[in-house]
PDB file of all heavy atoms in Angstrom:
ATOM      1  N   ALA A   1    -113.271 -84.531 -14.210  1.00  0.00           N
ATOM      2  CA  ALA A   1    -114.459 -83.858 -13.690  1.00  0.00           C
ATOM      3  C   ALA A   1    -114.022 -82.555 -13.013  1.00  0.00           C
ATOM      4  O   ALA A   1    -112.937 -82.493 -12.429  1.00  0.00           O
ATOM      5  CB  ALA A   1    -115.177 -84.751 -12.683  1.00  0.00           C
ATOM      6  N   VAL A   2    -114.843 -81.537 -13.099  1.00  0.00           N
ATOM      7  CA  VAL A   2    -114.486 -80.232 -12.533  1.00  0.00           C
ATOM      8  C   VAL A   2    -114.188 -80.354 -11.037  1.00  0.00           C
ATOM      9  O   VAL A   2    -113.215 -79.790 -10.541  1.00  0.00           O
ATOM     10  CB  VAL A   2    -115.607 -79.195 -12.793  1.00  0.00           C
ATOM     11  CG1 VAL A   2    -115.331 -77.902 -12.051  1.00  0.00           C
ATOM     12  CG2 VAL A   2    -115.746 -78.939 -14.277  1.00  0.00           C
ATOM     13  N   ALA A   3    -115.008 -81.087 -10.308  1.00  0.00           N
ATOM     14  CA  ALA A   3    -114.796 -81.232  -8.865  1.00  0.00           C
ATOM     15  C   ALA A   3    -113.439 -81.875  -8.574  1.00  0.00           C
ATOM     16  O   ALA A   3    -112.718 -81.440  -7.670  1.00  0.00           O
ATOM     17  CB  ALA A   3    -115.917 -82.052  -8.238  1.00  0.00           C
ATOM     18  N   ASP A   4    -113.073 -82.894  -9.331  1.00  0.00           N
ATOM     19  CA  ASP A   4    -111.773 -83.542  -9.138  1.00  0.00           C
ATOM     20  C   ASP A   4    -110.633 -82.590  -9.451  1.00  0.00           C
ATOM     21  O   ASP A   4    -109.630 -82.538  -8.746  1.00  0.00           O
ATOM     22  CB  ASP A   4    -111.651 -84.796 -10.014  1.00  0.00           C
ATOM     23  CG  ASP A   4    -112.611 -85.882  -9.590  1.00  0.00           C
ATOM     24  OD1 ASP A   4    -113.036 -85.887  -8.413  1.00  0.00           O
ATOM     25  OD2 ASP A   4    -112.932 -86.733 -10.441  1.00  0.00           O
ATOM     26  N   TRP A   5    -110.789 -81.804 -10.520  1.00  0.00           N
ATOM     27  CA  TRP A   5    -109.762 -80.852 -10.906  1.00  0.00           C
ATOM     28  C   TRP A   5    -109.590 -79.777  -9.828  1.00  0.00           C
ATOM     29  O   TRP A   5    -108.491 -79.407  -9.475  1.00  0.00           O
ATOM     30  CB  TRP A   5    -110.116 -80.217 -12.250  1.00  0.00           C
ATOM     31  CG  TRP A   5    -109.085 -79.250 -12.715  1.00  0.00           C
ATOM     32  CD1 TRP A   5    -107.877 -79.542 -13.260  1.00  0.00           C
ATOM     33  CD2 TRP A   5    -109.168 -77.832 -12.662  1.00  0.00           C
ATOM     34  NE1 TRP A   5    -107.198 -78.382 -13.557  1.00  0.00           N
ATOM     35  CE2 TRP A   5    -107.967 -77.319 -13.197  1.00  0.00           C
ATOM     36  CE3 TRP A   5    -110.128 -76.936 -12.218  1.00  0.00           C
ATOM     37  CZ2 TRP A   5    -107.717 -75.960 -13.293  1.00  0.00           C
ATOM     38  CZ3 TRP A   5    -109.871 -75.584 -12.317  1.00  0.00           C
ATOM     39  CH2 TRP A   5    -108.684 -75.114 -12.854  1.00  0.00           C
ATOM     40  N   LEU A   6    -110.701 -79.301  -9.266  1.00  0.00           N
ATOM     41  CA  LEU A   6    -110.627 -78.289  -8.215  1.00  0.00           C
ATOM     42  C   LEU A   6    -109.972 -78.846  -6.950  1.00  0.00           C
ATOM     43  O   LEU A   6    -109.209 -78.145  -6.285  1.00  0.00           O
ATOM     44  CB  LEU A   6    -112.002 -77.720  -7.903  1.00  0.00           C
ATOM     45  CG  LEU A   6    -112.595 -76.825  -8.988  1.00  0.00           C
ATOM     46  CD1 LEU A   6    -114.042 -76.462  -8.642  1.00  0.00           C
ATOM     47  CD2 LEU A   6    -111.756 -75.582  -9.187  1.00  0.00           C
ATOM     48  N   LEU A   7    -110.244 -80.090  -6.623  1.00  0.00           N
ATOM     49  CA  LEU A   7    -109.579 -80.719  -5.471  1.00  0.00           C
ATOM     50  C   LEU A   7    -108.068 -80.807  -5.697  1.00  0.00           C
ATOM     51  O   LEU A   7    -107.280 -80.533  -4.796  1.00  0.00           O
ATOM     52  CB  LEU A   7    -110.160 -82.106  -5.198  1.00  0.00           C
ATOM     53  CG  LEU A   7    -111.546 -82.128  -4.579  1.00  0.00           C
ATOM     54  CD1 LEU A   7    -112.095 -83.559  -4.563  1.00  0.00           C
ATOM     55  CD2 LEU A   7    -111.518 -81.551  -3.179  1.00  0.00           C
ATOM     56  N   GLN A   8    -107.672 -81.176  -6.897  1.00  0.00           N
ATOM     57  CA  GLN A   8    -106.255 -81.248  -7.229  1.00  0.00           C
ATOM     58  C   GLN A   8    -105.613 -79.855  -7.159  1.00  0.00           C
ATOM     59  O   GLN A   8    -104.513 -79.698  -6.640  1.00  0.00           O
ATOM     60  CB  GLN A   8    -106.073 -81.840  -8.627  1.00  0.00           C
ATOM     61  CG  GLN A   8    -104.625 -81.936  -9.057  1.00  0.00           C
ATOM     62  CD  GLN A   8    -104.503 -82.448 -10.488  1.00  0.00           C
ATOM     63  OE1 GLN A   8    -105.487 -82.691 -11.179  1.00  0.00           O
ATOM     64  NE2 GLN A   8    -103.281 -82.604 -10.937  1.00  0.00           N
ATOM     65  N   LEU A   9    -106.320 -78.867  -7.637  1.00  0.00           N
ATOM     66  CA  LEU A   9    -105.827 -77.496  -7.600  1.00  0.00           C
ATOM     67  C   LEU A   9    -105.667 -77.016  -6.162  1.00  0.00           C
ATOM     68  O   LEU A   9    -104.685 -76.354  -5.810  1.00  0.00           O
ATOM     69  CB  LEU A   9    -106.772 -76.582  -8.371  1.00  0.00           C
ATOM     70  CG  LEU A   9    -106.332 -75.152  -8.586  1.00  0.00           C
ATOM     71  CD1 LEU A   9    -105.008 -75.090  -9.334  1.00  0.00           C
ATOM     72  CD2 LEU A   9    -107.405 -74.388  -9.342  1.00  0.00           C
ATOM     73  N   ARG A  10    -106.605 -77.375  -5.303  1.00  0.00           N
ATOM     74  CA  ARG A  10    -106.514 -77.005  -3.884  1.00  0.00           C
ATOM     75  C   ARG A  10    -105.292 -77.645  -3.238  1.00  0.00           C
ATOM     76  O   ARG A  10    -104.575 -77.002  -2.478  1.00  0.00           O
ATOM     77  CB  ARG A  10    -107.787 -77.400  -3.138  1.00  0.00           C
ATOM     78  CG  ARG A  10    -107.734 -76.980  -1.667  1.00  0.00           C
ATOM     79  CD  ARG A  10    -108.995 -77.259  -0.942  1.00  0.00           C
ATOM     80  NE  ARG A  10    -109.218 -78.689  -0.858  1.00  0.00           N
ATOM     81  CZ  ARG A  10    -110.246 -79.260  -0.261  1.00  0.00           C
ATOM     82  NH1 ARG A  10    -111.174 -78.515   0.281  1.00  0.00           N
ATOM     83  NH2 ARG A  10    -110.379 -80.554  -0.228  1.00  0.00           N
ATOM     84  N   GLU A  11    -105.024 -78.891  -3.546  1.00  0.00           N
ATOM     85  CA  GLU A  11    -103.844 -79.553  -2.989  1.00  0.00           C
ATOM     86  C   GLU A  11    -102.560 -78.896  -3.485  1.00  0.00           C
ATOM     87  O   GLU A  11    -101.599 -78.738  -2.734  1.00  0.00           O
ATOM     88  CB  GLU A  11    -103.862 -81.049  -3.322  1.00  0.00           C
ATOM     89  CG  GLU A  11    -104.935 -81.817  -2.584  1.00  0.00           C
ATOM     90  CD  GLU A  11    -104.883 -81.612  -1.075  1.00  0.00           C
ATOM     91  OE1 GLU A  11    -103.792 -81.732  -0.482  1.00  0.00           O
ATOM     92  OE2 GLU A  11    -105.941 -81.316  -0.486  1.00  0.00           O
ATOM     93  N   GLN A  12    -102.548 -78.498  -4.738  1.00  0.00           N
ATOM     94  CA  GLN A  12    -101.376 -77.804  -5.281  1.00  0.00           C
ATOM     95  C   GLN A  12    -101.182 -76.471  -4.562  1.00  0.00           C
ATOM     96  O   GLN A  12    -100.061 -76.103  -4.213  1.00  0.00           O
ATOM     97  CB  GLN A  12    -101.541 -77.585  -6.782  1.00  0.00           C
ATOM     98  CG  GLN A  12    -100.343 -76.926  -7.420  1.00  0.00           C
ATOM     99  CD  GLN A  12    -100.507 -76.762  -8.919  1.00  0.00           C
ATOM    100  OE1 GLN A  12    -101.505 -77.178  -9.509  1.00  0.00           O
ATOM    101  NE2 GLN A  12     -99.537 -76.157  -9.543  1.00  0.00           N
ATOM    102  N   GLU A  13    -102.263 -75.757  -4.307  1.00  0.00           N
ATOM    103  CA  GLU A  13    -102.184 -74.481  -3.596  1.00  0.00           C
ATOM    104  C   GLU A  13    -101.640 -74.684  -2.190  1.00  0.00           C
ATOM    105  O   GLU A  13    -100.811 -73.913  -1.713  1.00  0.00           O
ATOM    106  CB  GLU A  13    -103.565 -73.817  -3.560  1.00  0.00           C
ATOM    107  CG  GLU A  13    -103.579 -72.441  -2.949  1.00  0.00           C
ATOM    108  CD  GLU A  13    -103.737 -72.439  -1.440  1.00  0.00           C
ATOM    109  OE1 GLU A  13    -104.281 -73.403  -0.880  1.00  0.00           O
ATOM    110  OE2 GLU A  13    -103.305 -71.466  -0.824  1.00  0.00           O
ATOM    111  N   ARG A  14    -102.077 -75.718  -1.513  1.00  0.00           N
ATOM    112  CA  ARG A  14    -101.576 -76.004  -0.157  1.00  0.00           C
ATOM    113  C   ARG A  14    -100.080 -76.304  -0.171  1.00  0.00           C
ATOM    114  O   ARG A  14     -99.363 -75.946   0.753  1.00  0.00           O
ATOM    115  CB  ARG A  14    -102.334 -77.175   0.448  1.00  0.00           C
ATOM    116  CG  ARG A  14    -103.722 -76.812   0.887  1.00  0.00           C
ATOM    117  CD  ARG A  14    -104.419 -78.004   1.493  1.00  0.00           C
ATOM    118  NE  ARG A  14    -105.729 -77.615   1.984  1.00  0.00           N
ATOM    119  CZ  ARG A  14    -106.666 -78.463   2.340  1.00  0.00           C
ATOM    120  NH1 ARG A  14    -106.446 -79.755   2.275  1.00  0.00           N
ATOM    121  NH2 ARG A  14    -107.823 -78.021   2.785  1.00  0.00           N
ATOM    122  N   ALA A  15     -99.615 -76.943  -1.223  1.00  0.00           N
ATOM    123  CA  ALA A  15     -98.193 -77.297  -1.315  1.00  0.00           C
ATOM    124  C   ALA A  15     -97.293 -76.078  -1.455  1.00  0.00           C
ATOM    125  O   ALA A  15     -96.135 -76.115  -1.037  1.00  0.00           O
ATOM    126  CB  ALA A  15     -97.967 -78.259  -2.488  1.00  0.00           C
ATOM    127  N   VAL A  16     -97.812 -74.996  -2.037  1.00  0.00           N
ATOM    128  CA  VAL A  16     -96.982 -73.806  -2.225  1.00  0.00           C
ATOM    129  C   VAL A  16     -97.164 -72.778  -1.110  1.00  0.00           C
ATOM    130  O   VAL A  16     -96.516 -71.736  -1.132  1.00  0.00           O
ATOM    131  CB  VAL A  16     -97.218 -73.142  -3.608  1.00  0.00           C
ATOM    132  CG1 VAL A  16     -96.848 -74.085  -4.729  1.00  0.00           C
ATOM    133  CG2 VAL A  16     -98.628 -72.630  -3.753  1.00  0.00           C
ATOM    134  N   ARG A  17     -97.976 -73.074  -0.130  1.00  0.00           N
ATOM    135  CA  ARG A  17     -98.197 -72.130   0.968  1.00  0.00           C
ATOM    136  C   ARG A  17     -96.917 -71.660   1.658  1.00  0.00           C
ATOM    137  O   ARG A  17     -96.847 -70.500   2.058  1.00  0.00           O
ATOM    138  CB  ARG A  17     -99.141 -72.721   2.003  1.00  0.00           C
ATOM    139  CG  ARG A  17    -100.545 -72.395   1.696  1.00  0.00           C
ATOM    140  CD  ARG A  17    -101.381 -72.478   2.934  1.00  0.00           C
ATOM    141  NE  ARG A  17    -102.764 -72.498   2.489  1.00  0.00           N
ATOM    142  CZ  ARG A  17    -103.726 -73.031   3.185  1.00  0.00           C
ATOM    143  NH1 ARG A  17    -103.493 -73.574   4.341  1.00  0.00           N
ATOM    144  NH2 ARG A  17    -104.938 -73.003   2.713  1.00  0.00           N
ATOM    145  N   PRO A  18     -95.912 -72.501   1.823  1.00  0.00           N
ATOM    146  CA  PRO A  18     -94.687 -71.990   2.465  1.00  0.00           C
ATOM    147  C   PRO A  18     -94.058 -70.818   1.706  1.00  0.00           C
ATOM    148  O   PRO A  18     -93.248 -70.092   2.257  1.00  0.00           O
ATOM    149  CB  PRO A  18     -93.749 -73.201   2.466  1.00  0.00           C
ATOM    150  CG  PRO A  18     -94.657 -74.386   2.419  1.00  0.00           C
ATOM    151  CD  PRO A  18     -95.836 -73.937   1.594  1.00  0.00           C
ATOM    152  N   PHE A  19     -94.452 -70.613   0.471  1.00  0.00           N
ATOM    153  CA  PHE A  19     -93.877 -69.547  -0.344  1.00  0.00           C
ATOM    154  C   PHE A  19     -94.818 -68.352  -0.498  1.00  0.00           C
ATOM    155  O   PHE A  19     -94.511 -67.416  -1.223  1.00  0.00           O
ATOM    156  CB  PHE A  19     -93.524 -70.084  -1.738  1.00  0.00           C
ATOM    157  CG  PHE A  19     -92.603 -71.264  -1.674  1.00  0.00           C
ATOM    158  CD1 PHE A  19     -93.099 -72.553  -1.790  1.00  0.00           C
ATOM    159  CD2 PHE A  19     -91.253 -71.093  -1.466  1.00  0.00           C
ATOM    160  CE1 PHE A  19     -92.265 -73.649  -1.717  1.00  0.00           C
ATOM    161  CE2 PHE A  19     -90.400 -72.178  -1.394  1.00  0.00           C
ATOM    162  CZ  PHE A  19     -90.901 -73.462  -1.516  1.00  0.00           C
ATOM    163  N   GLU A  20     -95.955 -68.351   0.199  1.00  0.00           N
ATOM    164  CA  GLU A  20     -96.963 -67.327  -0.036  1.00  0.00           C
ATOM    165  C   GLU A  20     -96.527 -65.921   0.356  1.00  0.00           C
ATOM    166  O   GLU A  20     -97.137 -64.949  -0.077  1.00  0.00           O
ATOM    167  CB  GLU A  20     -98.286 -67.693   0.636  1.00  0.00           C
ATOM    168  CG  GLU A  20     -98.258 -67.678   2.144  1.00  0.00           C
ATOM    169  CD  GLU A  20     -99.556 -68.181   2.739  1.00  0.00           C
ATOM    170  OE1 GLU A  20    -100.486 -68.536   2.007  1.00  0.00           O
ATOM    171  OE2 GLU A  20     -99.641 -68.229   3.974  1.00  0.00           O
ATOM    172  N   GLN A  21     -95.485 -65.777   1.139  1.00  0.00           N
ATOM    173  CA  GLN A  21     -94.999 -64.452   1.508  1.00  0.00           C
ATOM    174  C   GLN A  21     -93.866 -63.984   0.590  1.00  0.00           C
ATOM    175  O   GLN A  21     -93.247 -62.961   0.831  1.00  0.00           O
ATOM    176  CB  GLN A  21     -94.532 -64.436   2.963  1.00  0.00           C
ATOM    177  CG  GLN A  21     -95.643 -64.718   3.957  1.00  0.00           C
ATOM    178  CD  GLN A  21     -96.747 -63.677   3.904  1.00  0.00           C
ATOM    179  OE1 GLN A  21     -96.503 -62.490   3.752  1.00  0.00           O
ATOM    180  NE2 GLN A  21     -97.998 -64.126   4.016  1.00  0.00           N
ATOM    181  N   SER A  22     -93.591 -64.719  -0.457  1.00  0.00           N
ATOM    182  CA  SER A  22     -92.532 -64.363  -1.398  1.00  0.00           C
ATOM    183  C   SER A  22     -92.941 -63.160  -2.240  1.00  0.00           C
ATOM    184  O   SER A  22     -94.092 -63.041  -2.649  1.00  0.00           O
ATOM    185  CB  SER A  22     -92.231 -65.539  -2.337  1.00  0.00           C
ATOM    186  OG  SER A  22     -91.865 -66.666  -1.588  1.00  0.00           O
ATOM    187  N   ALA A  23     -91.975 -62.292  -2.500  1.00  0.00           N
ATOM    188  CA  ALA A  23     -92.232 -61.134  -3.358  1.00  0.00           C
ATOM    189  C   ALA A  23     -92.383 -61.598  -4.798  1.00  0.00           C
ATOM    190  O   ALA A  23     -91.729 -62.559  -5.232  1.00  0.00           O
ATOM    191  CB  ALA A  23     -91.074 -60.151  -3.249  1.00  0.00           C
ATOM    192  N   LEU A  24     -93.244 -60.923  -5.560  1.00  0.00           N
ATOM    193  CA  LEU A  24     -93.448 -61.312  -6.954  1.00  0.00           C
ATOM    194  C   LEU A  24     -92.157 -61.233  -7.765  1.00  0.00           C
ATOM    195  O   LEU A  24     -91.940 -62.028  -8.671  1.00  0.00           O
ATOM    196  CB  LEU A  24     -94.544 -60.460  -7.597  1.00  0.00           C
ATOM    197  CG  LEU A  24     -95.965 -60.843  -7.217  1.00  0.00           C
ATOM    198  CD1 LEU A  24     -96.963 -59.897  -7.859  1.00  0.00           C
ATOM    199  CD2 LEU A  24     -96.280 -62.273  -7.596  1.00  0.00           C
ATOM    200  N   MET A  25     -91.283 -60.293  -7.431  1.00  0.00           N
ATOM    201  CA  MET A  25     -89.991 -60.201  -8.132  1.00  0.00           C
ATOM    202  C   MET A  25     -89.171 -61.468  -7.888  1.00  0.00           C
ATOM    203  O   MET A  25     -88.494 -61.961  -8.785  1.00  0.00           O
ATOM    204  CB  MET A  25     -89.206 -58.978  -7.653  1.00  0.00           C
ATOM    205  CG  MET A  25     -89.881 -57.667  -7.949  1.00  0.00           C
ATOM    206  SD  MET A  25     -89.404 -56.840  -9.453  1.00  0.00           S
ATOM    207  CE  MET A  25     -87.673 -56.890  -9.478  1.00  0.00           C
ATOM    208  N   GLU A  26     -89.242 -62.000  -6.677  1.00  0.00           N
ATOM    209  CA  GLU A  26     -88.531 -63.232  -6.343  1.00  0.00           C
ATOM    210  C   GLU A  26     -89.131 -64.412  -7.108  1.00  0.00           C
ATOM    211  O   GLU A  26     -88.412 -65.243  -7.663  1.00  0.00           O
ATOM    212  CB  GLU A  26     -88.616 -63.462  -4.831  1.00  0.00           C
ATOM    213  CG  GLU A  26     -87.709 -64.523  -4.300  1.00  0.00           C
ATOM    214  CD  GLU A  26     -87.736 -64.569  -2.782  1.00  0.00           C
ATOM    215  OE1 GLU A  26     -88.669 -64.039  -2.143  1.00  0.00           O
ATOM    216  OE2 GLU A  26     -86.809 -65.172  -2.235  1.00  0.00           O
ATOM    217  N   VAL A  27     -90.452 -64.473  -7.166  1.00  0.00           N
ATOM    218  CA  VAL A  27     -91.134 -65.534  -7.901  1.00  0.00           C
ATOM    219  C   VAL A  27     -90.767 -65.461  -9.378  1.00  0.00           C
ATOM    220  O   VAL A  27     -90.520 -66.481 -10.022  1.00  0.00           O
ATOM    221  CB  VAL A  27     -92.666 -65.445  -7.707  1.00  0.00           C
ATOM    222  CG1 VAL A  27     -93.384 -66.436  -8.597  1.00  0.00           C
ATOM    223  CG2 VAL A  27     -93.028 -65.669  -6.242  1.00  0.00           C
ATOM    224  N   GLN A  28     -90.710 -64.247  -9.922  1.00  0.00           N
ATOM    225  CA  GLN A  28     -90.321 -64.061 -11.326  1.00  0.00           C
ATOM    226  C   GLN A  28     -88.943 -64.670 -11.571  1.00  0.00           C
ATOM    227  O   GLN A  28     -88.718 -65.333 -12.575  1.00  0.00           O
ATOM    228  CB  GLN A  28     -90.301 -62.572 -11.686  1.00  0.00           C
ATOM    229  CG  GLN A  28     -89.874 -62.284 -13.109  1.00  0.00           C
ATOM    230  CD  GLN A  28     -90.994 -62.389 -14.106  1.00  0.00           C
ATOM    231  OE1 GLN A  28     -92.102 -61.994 -13.810  1.00  0.00           O
ATOM    232  NE2 GLN A  28     -90.718 -62.906 -15.266  1.00  0.00           N
ATOM    233  N   GLY A  29     -88.019 -64.464 -10.636  1.00  0.00           N
ATOM    234  CA  GLY A  29     -86.675 -65.018 -10.774  1.00  0.00           C
ATOM    235  C   GLY A  29     -86.653 -66.535 -10.747  1.00  0.00           C
ATOM    236  O   GLY A  29     -85.811 -67.164 -11.379  1.00  0.00           O
ATOM    237  N   TRP A  30     -87.564 -67.151  -9.994  1.00  0.00           N
ATOM    238  CA  TRP A  30     -87.622 -68.607  -9.906  1.00  0.00           C
ATOM    239  C   TRP A  30     -88.277 -69.234 -11.131  1.00  0.00           C
ATOM    240  O   TRP A  30     -88.064 -70.405 -11.426  1.00  0.00           O
ATOM    241  CB  TRP A  30     -88.428 -69.042  -8.687  1.00  0.00           C
ATOM    242  CG  TRP A  30     -87.848 -68.659  -7.367  1.00  0.00           C
ATOM    243  CD1 TRP A  30     -86.528 -68.442  -7.084  1.00  0.00           C
ATOM    244  CD2 TRP A  30     -88.564 -68.440  -6.161  1.00  0.00           C
ATOM    245  NE1 TRP A  30     -86.395 -68.099  -5.764  1.00  0.00           N
ATOM    246  CE2 TRP A  30     -87.625 -68.094  -5.168  1.00  0.00           C
ATOM    247  CE3 TRP A  30     -89.897 -68.494  -5.815  1.00  0.00           C
ATOM    248  CZ2 TRP A  30     -87.979 -67.820  -3.856  1.00  0.00           C
ATOM    249  CZ3 TRP A  30     -90.256 -68.219  -4.502  1.00  0.00           C
ATOM    250  CH2 TRP A  30     -89.306 -67.888  -3.540  1.00  0.00           C
ATOM    251  N   SER A  31     -89.097 -68.463 -11.816  1.00  0.00           N
ATOM    252  CA  SER A  31     -89.878 -69.023 -12.917  1.00  0.00           C
ATOM    253  C   SER A  31     -89.050 -69.131 -14.195  1.00  0.00           C
ATOM    254  O   SER A  31     -87.963 -68.588 -14.296  1.00  0.00           O
ATOM    255  CB  SER A  31     -91.109 -68.146 -13.189  1.00  0.00           C
ATOM    256  OG  SER A  31     -90.716 -66.962 -13.847  1.00  0.00           O
ATOM    257  N   ARG A  32     -89.607 -69.827 -15.158  1.00  0.00           N
ATOM    258  CA  ARG A  32     -88.983 -69.920 -16.479  1.00  0.00           C
ATOM    259  C   ARG A  32     -89.548 -68.851 -17.416  1.00  0.00           C
ATOM    260  O   ARG A  32     -89.295 -68.871 -18.599  1.00  0.00           O
ATOM    261  CB  ARG A  32     -89.236 -71.313 -17.068  1.00  0.00           C
ATOM    262  CG  ARG A  32     -88.476 -72.390 -16.334  1.00  0.00           C
ATOM    263  CD  ARG A  32     -88.688 -73.722 -17.009  1.00  0.00           C
ATOM    264  NE  ARG A  32     -89.264 -74.607 -16.007  1.00  0.00           N
ATOM    265  CZ  ARG A  32     -89.967 -75.677 -16.262  1.00  0.00           C
ATOM    266  NH1 ARG A  32     -90.224 -76.010 -17.503  1.00  0.00           N
ATOM    267  NH2 ARG A  32     -90.439 -76.419 -15.305  1.00  0.00           N
ATOM    268  N   ILE A  33     -90.314 -67.941 -16.847  1.00  0.00           N
ATOM    269  CA  ILE A  33     -90.918 -66.874 -17.632  1.00  0.00           C
ATOM    270  C   ILE A  33     -89.933 -65.719 -17.705  1.00  0.00           C
ATOM    271  O   ILE A  33     -89.390 -65.286 -16.693  1.00  0.00           O
ATOM    272  CB  ILE A  33     -92.245 -66.426 -17.000  1.00  0.00           C
ATOM    273  CG1 ILE A  33     -93.220 -67.607 -16.975  1.00  0.00           C
ATOM    274  CG2 ILE A  33     -92.834 -65.244 -17.739  1.00  0.00           C
ATOM    275  CD1 ILE A  33     -94.467 -67.360 -16.182  1.00  0.00           C
ATOM    276  N   GLY A  34     -89.705 -65.233 -18.892  1.00  0.00           N
ATOM    277  CA  GLY A  34     -88.724 -64.177 -19.103  1.00  0.00           C
ATOM    278  C   GLY A  34     -89.127 -62.846 -18.498  1.00  0.00           C
ATOM    279  O   GLY A  34     -90.309 -62.595 -18.252  1.00  0.00           O
TER     280      GLY A  34
END
């Protein structure tokens, strides 16, 4: 259900908050995206 999916997405967003001040270049380095 959309509401359940949005709740899950919100929890995922809260989990990454400690990284919200990271530079996009740093995030690029952590990712598997070339």
